[in-house]
N, C-alpha and C. Protein backbone atom coordinates (compact mmCIF):
# COMPACT_ATOMS: atom_id res chain seq x y z
N UNK A 1 122.81 75.80 90.08
CA UNK A 1 121.49 76.36 90.25
C UNK A 1 121.05 77.09 88.98
N UNK A 2 121.89 77.99 88.46
CA UNK A 2 121.50 78.75 87.28
C UNK A 2 121.45 77.87 86.04
N UNK A 3 122.26 76.86 85.98
CA UNK A 3 122.23 75.93 84.84
C UNK A 3 120.90 75.19 84.83
N UNK A 4 120.46 74.74 86.01
CA UNK A 4 119.19 74.01 86.11
C UNK A 4 117.99 74.92 85.91
N UNK A 5 117.97 76.03 86.61
CA UNK A 5 116.78 76.88 86.63
C UNK A 5 116.58 77.67 85.35
N UNK A 6 117.66 78.13 84.76
CA UNK A 6 117.51 79.02 83.60
C UNK A 6 118.22 78.52 82.37
N UNK A 7 118.80 77.33 82.43
CA UNK A 7 119.47 76.78 81.27
C UNK A 7 120.66 77.59 80.81
N UNK A 8 121.36 78.21 81.74
CA UNK A 8 122.50 79.05 81.38
C UNK A 8 123.67 78.20 80.90
N UNK A 9 124.47 78.78 80.02
CA UNK A 9 125.62 78.07 79.46
C UNK A 9 126.86 78.28 80.31
N UNK A 10 127.87 77.46 80.05
CA UNK A 10 129.13 77.57 80.76
C UNK A 10 129.78 78.93 80.62
N UNK A 11 129.74 79.52 79.42
CA UNK A 11 130.36 80.83 79.20
C UNK A 11 129.68 81.91 80.02
N UNK A 12 128.36 81.92 80.01
CA UNK A 12 127.61 82.91 80.79
C UNK A 12 127.88 82.73 82.27
N UNK A 13 127.88 81.49 82.73
CA UNK A 13 128.11 81.22 84.15
C UNK A 13 129.53 81.58 84.57
N UNK A 14 130.50 81.34 83.72
CA UNK A 14 131.89 81.70 84.04
C UNK A 14 132.03 83.21 84.17
N UNK A 15 131.42 83.95 83.26
CA UNK A 15 131.46 85.42 83.33
C UNK A 15 130.75 85.91 84.59
N UNK A 16 129.57 85.35 84.86
CA UNK A 16 128.82 85.76 86.05
C UNK A 16 129.61 85.45 87.32
N UNK A 17 130.21 84.28 87.39
CA UNK A 17 130.96 83.88 88.58
C UNK A 17 132.11 84.85 88.84
N UNK A 18 132.81 85.24 87.80
CA UNK A 18 133.91 86.18 87.95
C UNK A 18 133.42 87.50 88.56
N UNK A 19 132.30 87.99 88.08
CA UNK A 19 131.76 89.25 88.59
C UNK A 19 131.09 89.07 89.95
N UNK A 20 130.48 87.91 90.16
CA UNK A 20 129.81 87.65 91.43
C UNK A 20 130.80 87.62 92.59
N UNK A 21 131.94 87.02 92.39
CA UNK A 21 132.95 86.95 93.46
C UNK A 21 133.35 88.35 93.91
N UNK A 22 133.59 89.25 92.97
CA UNK A 22 133.94 90.63 93.32
C UNK A 22 132.81 91.36 94.03
N UNK A 23 131.58 91.05 93.63
CA UNK A 23 130.40 91.66 94.28
C UNK A 23 130.21 91.09 95.68
N UNK A 24 130.41 89.78 95.83
CA UNK A 24 130.10 89.08 97.07
C UNK A 24 131.03 89.42 98.23
N UNK A 25 132.32 89.47 97.98
CA UNK A 25 133.30 89.61 99.07
C UNK A 25 133.00 90.77 100.02
N UNK A 26 132.80 91.99 99.52
CA UNK A 26 132.54 93.09 100.46
C UNK A 26 131.19 92.95 101.17
N UNK A 27 130.22 92.34 100.54
CA UNK A 27 128.90 92.17 101.15
C UNK A 27 128.91 91.10 102.25
N UNK A 28 129.71 90.08 102.07
CA UNK A 28 129.88 89.11 103.15
C UNK A 28 130.58 89.78 104.33
N UNK A 29 131.58 90.58 104.01
CA UNK A 29 132.35 91.25 105.07
C UNK A 29 131.49 92.24 105.86
N UNK A 30 130.64 93.01 105.17
CA UNK A 30 129.83 94.00 105.91
C UNK A 30 128.50 93.43 106.39
N UNK A 31 128.22 92.17 106.07
CA UNK A 31 127.01 91.51 106.56
C UNK A 31 125.75 91.80 105.79
N UNK A 32 125.84 92.50 104.65
CA UNK A 32 124.63 92.80 103.88
C UNK A 32 124.17 91.61 103.05
N UNK A 33 125.04 90.63 102.84
CA UNK A 33 124.68 89.35 102.23
C UNK A 33 125.04 88.29 103.26
N UNK A 34 124.09 87.44 103.56
CA UNK A 34 124.30 86.41 104.57
C UNK A 34 123.49 85.20 104.16
N UNK A 35 123.60 84.12 104.88
CA UNK A 35 122.82 82.95 104.52
C UNK A 35 123.27 81.71 105.27
N UNK A 36 122.88 80.58 104.72
CA UNK A 36 123.15 79.29 105.36
C UNK A 36 123.56 78.27 104.31
N UNK A 37 124.42 77.35 104.72
CA UNK A 37 124.82 76.23 103.87
C UNK A 37 124.56 74.96 104.66
N UNK A 38 123.87 74.01 104.04
CA UNK A 38 123.65 72.70 104.64
C UNK A 38 124.76 71.78 104.14
N UNK A 39 125.37 71.06 105.05
CA UNK A 39 126.47 70.17 104.69
C UNK A 39 126.20 68.75 105.14
N UNK A 40 126.71 67.83 104.37
CA UNK A 40 126.74 66.43 104.78
C UNK A 40 128.21 66.11 104.97
N UNK A 41 128.59 65.90 106.21
CA UNK A 41 129.99 65.81 106.61
C UNK A 41 130.63 67.14 106.23
N UNK A 42 131.57 67.18 105.30
CA UNK A 42 132.20 68.44 104.89
C UNK A 42 131.79 68.88 103.49
N UNK A 43 130.75 68.27 102.95
CA UNK A 43 130.33 68.57 101.58
C UNK A 43 129.05 69.39 101.57
N UNK A 44 129.08 70.61 100.99
CA UNK A 44 127.85 71.39 100.88
C UNK A 44 126.83 70.67 99.99
N UNK A 45 125.58 70.60 100.46
CA UNK A 45 124.52 69.95 99.69
C UNK A 45 123.36 70.90 99.40
N UNK A 46 123.35 72.06 100.07
CA UNK A 46 122.27 73.03 99.85
C UNK A 46 122.70 74.37 100.41
N UNK A 47 122.08 75.42 99.93
CA UNK A 47 122.39 76.74 100.43
C UNK A 47 121.28 77.73 100.14
N UNK A 48 121.33 78.84 100.87
CA UNK A 48 120.37 79.93 100.69
C UNK A 48 121.08 81.24 100.97
N UNK A 49 120.87 82.21 100.10
CA UNK A 49 121.42 83.54 100.28
C UNK A 49 120.32 84.48 100.74
N UNK A 50 120.70 85.46 101.56
CA UNK A 50 119.74 86.41 102.11
C UNK A 50 120.33 87.81 102.08
N UNK A 51 119.47 88.79 101.90
CA UNK A 51 119.89 90.19 101.93
C UNK A 51 118.81 91.04 102.58
N UNK A 52 119.22 92.16 103.13
CA UNK A 52 118.28 93.20 103.53
C UNK A 52 118.42 94.28 102.48
N UNK A 53 117.35 94.53 101.75
CA UNK A 53 117.37 95.54 100.70
C UNK A 53 116.82 96.86 101.24
N UNK A 54 117.49 97.98 100.96
CA UNK A 54 116.87 99.26 101.30
C UNK A 54 115.63 99.43 100.43
N UNK A 55 114.53 99.82 101.04
CA UNK A 55 113.27 99.95 100.30
C UNK A 55 112.43 100.99 101.03
N UNK A 56 111.77 101.85 100.32
CA UNK A 56 110.95 102.85 101.02
C UNK A 56 109.79 102.17 101.75
N UNK A 57 109.27 102.81 102.80
CA UNK A 57 108.08 102.26 103.44
C UNK A 57 107.02 101.96 102.37
N UNK A 58 106.31 100.88 102.58
CA UNK A 58 105.41 100.32 101.58
C UNK A 58 104.19 99.79 102.30
N UNK A 59 103.04 99.66 101.64
CA UNK A 59 101.87 99.10 102.33
C UNK A 59 102.14 97.77 103.02
N UNK A 60 103.08 96.96 102.50
CA UNK A 60 103.39 95.68 103.14
C UNK A 60 104.31 95.84 104.35
N UNK A 61 105.00 96.96 104.42
CA UNK A 61 105.88 97.26 105.57
C UNK A 61 105.93 98.79 105.76
N UNK A 62 104.80 99.36 106.23
CA UNK A 62 104.65 100.81 106.27
C UNK A 62 105.58 101.55 107.23
N UNK A 63 106.18 100.87 108.18
CA UNK A 63 107.06 101.55 109.13
C UNK A 63 108.53 101.19 108.93
N UNK A 64 108.81 100.36 107.95
CA UNK A 64 110.19 99.90 107.74
C UNK A 64 110.75 100.43 106.42
N UNK A 65 112.05 100.71 106.42
CA UNK A 65 112.72 101.22 105.22
C UNK A 65 113.58 100.13 104.56
N UNK A 66 113.10 98.90 104.64
CA UNK A 66 113.81 97.80 104.01
C UNK A 66 112.95 96.56 103.97
N UNK A 67 113.43 95.60 103.22
CA UNK A 67 112.75 94.31 103.13
C UNK A 67 113.81 93.23 102.94
N UNK A 68 113.45 92.03 103.32
CA UNK A 68 114.35 90.91 103.12
C UNK A 68 114.24 90.40 101.70
N UNK A 69 115.30 89.80 101.23
CA UNK A 69 115.31 89.21 99.91
C UNK A 69 115.98 87.83 100.00
N UNK A 70 115.29 86.82 99.53
CA UNK A 70 115.81 85.45 99.51
C UNK A 70 116.30 85.17 98.09
N UNK A 71 117.53 84.68 97.98
CA UNK A 71 118.06 84.38 96.66
C UNK A 71 119.02 83.20 96.73
N UNK A 72 119.33 82.67 95.58
CA UNK A 72 120.31 81.60 95.45
C UNK A 72 119.98 80.39 96.32
N UNK A 73 118.69 80.01 96.34
CA UNK A 73 118.28 78.81 97.06
C UNK A 73 118.56 77.60 96.17
N UNK A 74 119.28 76.63 96.72
CA UNK A 74 119.61 75.46 95.93
C UNK A 74 119.80 74.25 96.83
N UNK A 75 119.24 73.13 96.40
CA UNK A 75 119.46 71.84 97.06
C UNK A 75 119.94 70.88 95.98
N UNK A 76 121.06 70.22 96.23
CA UNK A 76 121.61 69.27 95.26
C UNK A 76 120.58 68.18 94.96
N UNK A 77 120.50 67.74 93.71
CA UNK A 77 119.51 66.71 93.35
C UNK A 77 119.54 65.49 94.27
N UNK A 78 120.71 65.09 94.71
CA UNK A 78 120.82 63.91 95.58
C UNK A 78 120.20 64.11 96.96
N UNK A 79 119.89 65.36 97.32
CA UNK A 79 119.37 65.66 98.66
C UNK A 79 117.98 66.29 98.64
N UNK A 80 117.35 66.29 97.50
CA UNK A 80 116.00 66.84 97.42
C UNK A 80 114.98 65.91 98.04
N UNK A 81 113.83 66.47 98.37
CA UNK A 81 112.72 65.73 98.98
C UNK A 81 113.08 65.18 100.36
N UNK A 82 113.99 65.89 101.04
CA UNK A 82 114.39 65.51 102.39
C UNK A 82 114.13 66.65 103.38
N UNK A 83 113.34 67.64 102.96
CA UNK A 83 112.96 68.78 103.80
C UNK A 83 114.11 69.76 104.08
N UNK A 84 115.21 69.67 103.30
CA UNK A 84 116.32 70.60 103.49
C UNK A 84 115.92 72.00 103.06
N UNK A 85 115.14 72.11 101.99
CA UNK A 85 114.64 73.41 101.56
C UNK A 85 113.79 74.05 102.64
N UNK A 86 112.92 73.26 103.27
CA UNK A 86 112.10 73.78 104.38
C UNK A 86 112.99 74.28 105.51
N UNK A 87 114.00 73.50 105.86
CA UNK A 87 114.92 73.88 106.93
C UNK A 87 115.59 75.22 106.61
N UNK A 88 116.10 75.34 105.38
CA UNK A 88 116.76 76.59 104.99
C UNK A 88 115.80 77.77 105.02
N UNK A 89 114.58 77.58 104.53
CA UNK A 89 113.61 78.67 104.54
C UNK A 89 113.22 79.05 105.97
N UNK A 90 113.07 78.07 106.85
CA UNK A 90 112.77 78.38 108.25
C UNK A 90 113.92 79.15 108.89
N UNK A 91 115.15 78.74 108.61
CA UNK A 91 116.30 79.48 109.13
C UNK A 91 116.32 80.91 108.59
N UNK A 92 116.00 81.06 107.30
CA UNK A 92 115.96 82.39 106.70
C UNK A 92 114.94 83.27 107.39
N UNK A 93 113.74 82.76 107.59
CA UNK A 93 112.70 83.56 108.23
C UNK A 93 113.10 83.94 109.66
N UNK A 94 113.69 82.99 110.38
CA UNK A 94 114.16 83.30 111.73
C UNK A 94 115.23 84.38 111.71
N UNK A 95 116.16 84.30 110.77
CA UNK A 95 117.24 85.28 110.70
C UNK A 95 116.70 86.66 110.32
N UNK A 96 115.75 86.70 109.40
CA UNK A 96 115.13 87.99 109.07
C UNK A 96 114.48 88.60 110.31
N UNK A 97 113.71 87.80 111.04
CA UNK A 97 113.06 88.31 112.25
C UNK A 97 114.11 88.79 113.26
N UNK A 98 115.18 88.04 113.42
CA UNK A 98 116.25 88.43 114.35
C UNK A 98 116.84 89.78 113.98
N UNK A 99 116.87 90.07 112.68
CA UNK A 99 117.42 91.34 112.19
C UNK A 99 116.35 92.43 112.09
N UNK A 100 115.14 92.15 112.56
CA UNK A 100 114.09 93.14 112.54
C UNK A 100 113.39 93.31 111.20
N UNK A 101 113.54 92.37 110.32
CA UNK A 101 112.91 92.41 108.99
C UNK A 101 111.61 91.62 109.06
N UNK A 102 110.51 92.28 108.72
CA UNK A 102 109.20 91.63 108.85
C UNK A 102 108.54 91.33 107.51
N UNK A 103 109.16 91.72 106.40
CA UNK A 103 108.60 91.46 105.08
C UNK A 103 109.74 91.04 104.17
N UNK A 104 109.54 89.98 103.39
CA UNK A 104 110.58 89.49 102.50
C UNK A 104 109.97 89.05 101.18
N UNK A 105 110.80 89.06 100.15
CA UNK A 105 110.40 88.64 98.81
C UNK A 105 111.41 87.64 98.28
N UNK A 106 111.00 86.92 97.25
CA UNK A 106 111.89 86.03 96.53
C UNK A 106 111.34 85.84 95.13
N UNK A 107 112.16 85.35 94.25
CA UNK A 107 111.74 84.97 92.91
C UNK A 107 111.77 83.46 92.85
N UNK A 108 110.64 82.86 92.59
CA UNK A 108 110.51 81.40 92.64
C UNK A 108 110.65 80.77 91.27
N UNK A 109 111.43 79.69 91.21
CA UNK A 109 111.44 78.85 90.02
C UNK A 109 110.21 77.95 90.09
N UNK A 110 109.90 77.31 88.99
CA UNK A 110 108.77 76.38 89.00
C UNK A 110 109.01 75.26 90.01
N UNK A 111 110.25 74.81 90.14
CA UNK A 111 110.57 73.73 91.08
C UNK A 111 110.42 74.18 92.53
N UNK A 112 110.75 75.44 92.81
CA UNK A 112 110.69 75.94 94.19
C UNK A 112 109.33 76.43 94.62
N UNK A 113 108.49 76.79 93.67
CA UNK A 113 107.19 77.39 94.00
C UNK A 113 106.35 76.57 94.98
N UNK A 114 106.23 75.24 94.82
CA UNK A 114 105.42 74.48 95.79
C UNK A 114 105.94 74.60 97.22
N UNK A 115 107.24 74.60 97.41
CA UNK A 115 107.81 74.75 98.74
C UNK A 115 107.40 76.09 99.35
N UNK A 116 107.58 77.17 98.59
CA UNK A 116 107.28 78.50 99.11
C UNK A 116 105.78 78.65 99.39
N UNK A 117 104.95 78.15 98.50
CA UNK A 117 103.51 78.24 98.71
C UNK A 117 103.09 77.46 99.95
N UNK A 118 103.67 76.29 100.17
CA UNK A 118 103.35 75.49 101.36
C UNK A 118 103.76 76.21 102.64
N UNK A 119 104.72 77.15 102.53
CA UNK A 119 105.18 77.90 103.69
C UNK A 119 104.51 79.28 103.78
N UNK A 120 103.39 79.44 103.05
CA UNK A 120 102.55 80.64 103.07
C UNK A 120 103.17 81.86 102.39
N UNK A 121 104.14 81.65 101.49
CA UNK A 121 104.63 82.75 100.65
C UNK A 121 103.60 82.94 99.54
N UNK A 122 103.32 84.19 99.21
CA UNK A 122 102.30 84.49 98.22
C UNK A 122 102.90 85.10 96.97
N UNK A 123 102.33 84.78 95.81
CA UNK A 123 102.83 85.39 94.58
C UNK A 123 102.53 86.89 94.55
N UNK A 124 103.40 87.62 93.85
CA UNK A 124 103.19 89.06 93.68
C UNK A 124 103.02 89.34 92.19
N UNK A 125 102.83 90.58 91.85
CA UNK A 125 102.61 90.98 90.47
C UNK A 125 103.88 91.48 89.79
N UNK A 126 105.03 91.13 90.30
CA UNK A 126 106.28 91.62 89.74
C UNK A 126 106.49 91.14 88.31
N UNK A 127 107.11 91.99 87.52
CA UNK A 127 107.48 91.66 86.15
C UNK A 127 108.93 92.08 85.97
N UNK A 128 109.57 91.60 84.90
CA UNK A 128 110.96 91.98 84.66
C UNK A 128 111.21 92.14 83.17
N UNK A 129 112.30 92.81 82.87
CA UNK A 129 112.72 93.01 81.47
C UNK A 129 114.23 93.15 81.45
N UNK A 130 114.88 92.47 80.54
CA UNK A 130 116.31 92.62 80.33
C UNK A 130 116.52 93.86 79.48
N UNK A 131 117.17 94.87 80.02
CA UNK A 131 117.41 96.11 79.29
C UNK A 131 118.76 96.04 78.58
N UNK A 132 118.76 96.47 77.37
CA UNK A 132 120.00 96.48 76.59
C UNK A 132 120.76 97.76 76.88
N UNK A 133 122.07 97.64 77.01
CA UNK A 133 122.89 98.84 77.20
C UNK A 133 123.19 99.44 75.83
N UNK A 134 123.39 100.73 75.82
CA UNK A 134 123.72 101.43 74.58
C UNK A 134 125.19 101.76 74.60
N UNK A 135 125.86 101.42 73.54
CA UNK A 135 127.26 101.76 73.40
C UNK A 135 127.34 103.18 72.84
N UNK A 136 128.00 104.05 73.57
CA UNK A 136 128.16 105.42 73.07
C UNK A 136 129.20 105.44 71.97
N UNK A 137 128.92 106.24 70.96
CA UNK A 137 129.90 106.38 69.88
C UNK A 137 131.14 107.08 70.41
N UNK A 138 132.26 106.53 70.08
CA UNK A 138 133.53 107.13 70.51
C UNK A 138 133.88 108.26 69.55
N UNK A 139 134.34 109.39 70.08
CA UNK A 139 134.70 110.52 69.18
C UNK A 139 135.92 110.22 68.35
């Protein structure tokens, strides 16, 4: 997914994977990261990750202290254009509702944007910036 969407290299992905596994395990265990995997026989062909993020009440969810977050949506090239993305997004929305989450966000790639727009997801004004860390001088 990251190789396709952002052109990431093997080295970056290997480093991320190492850190992601450590981040993921406790969140799967406590249920704060959840999702769905679509399989053909025993082979995963698509997946979607979901989270409930703590968030202060907001005009989009004035009585709730959280929002849903959709991430890591991916359908293998061999299985695209078969409505698997729609299925995963419908499952995600149902699961958010089941958990009492009434507002959710996602970051769309150019390839995913038509799917989300067709499902009535609306663009927001979010922006991002990669911040550089500062190395403190050692005494």
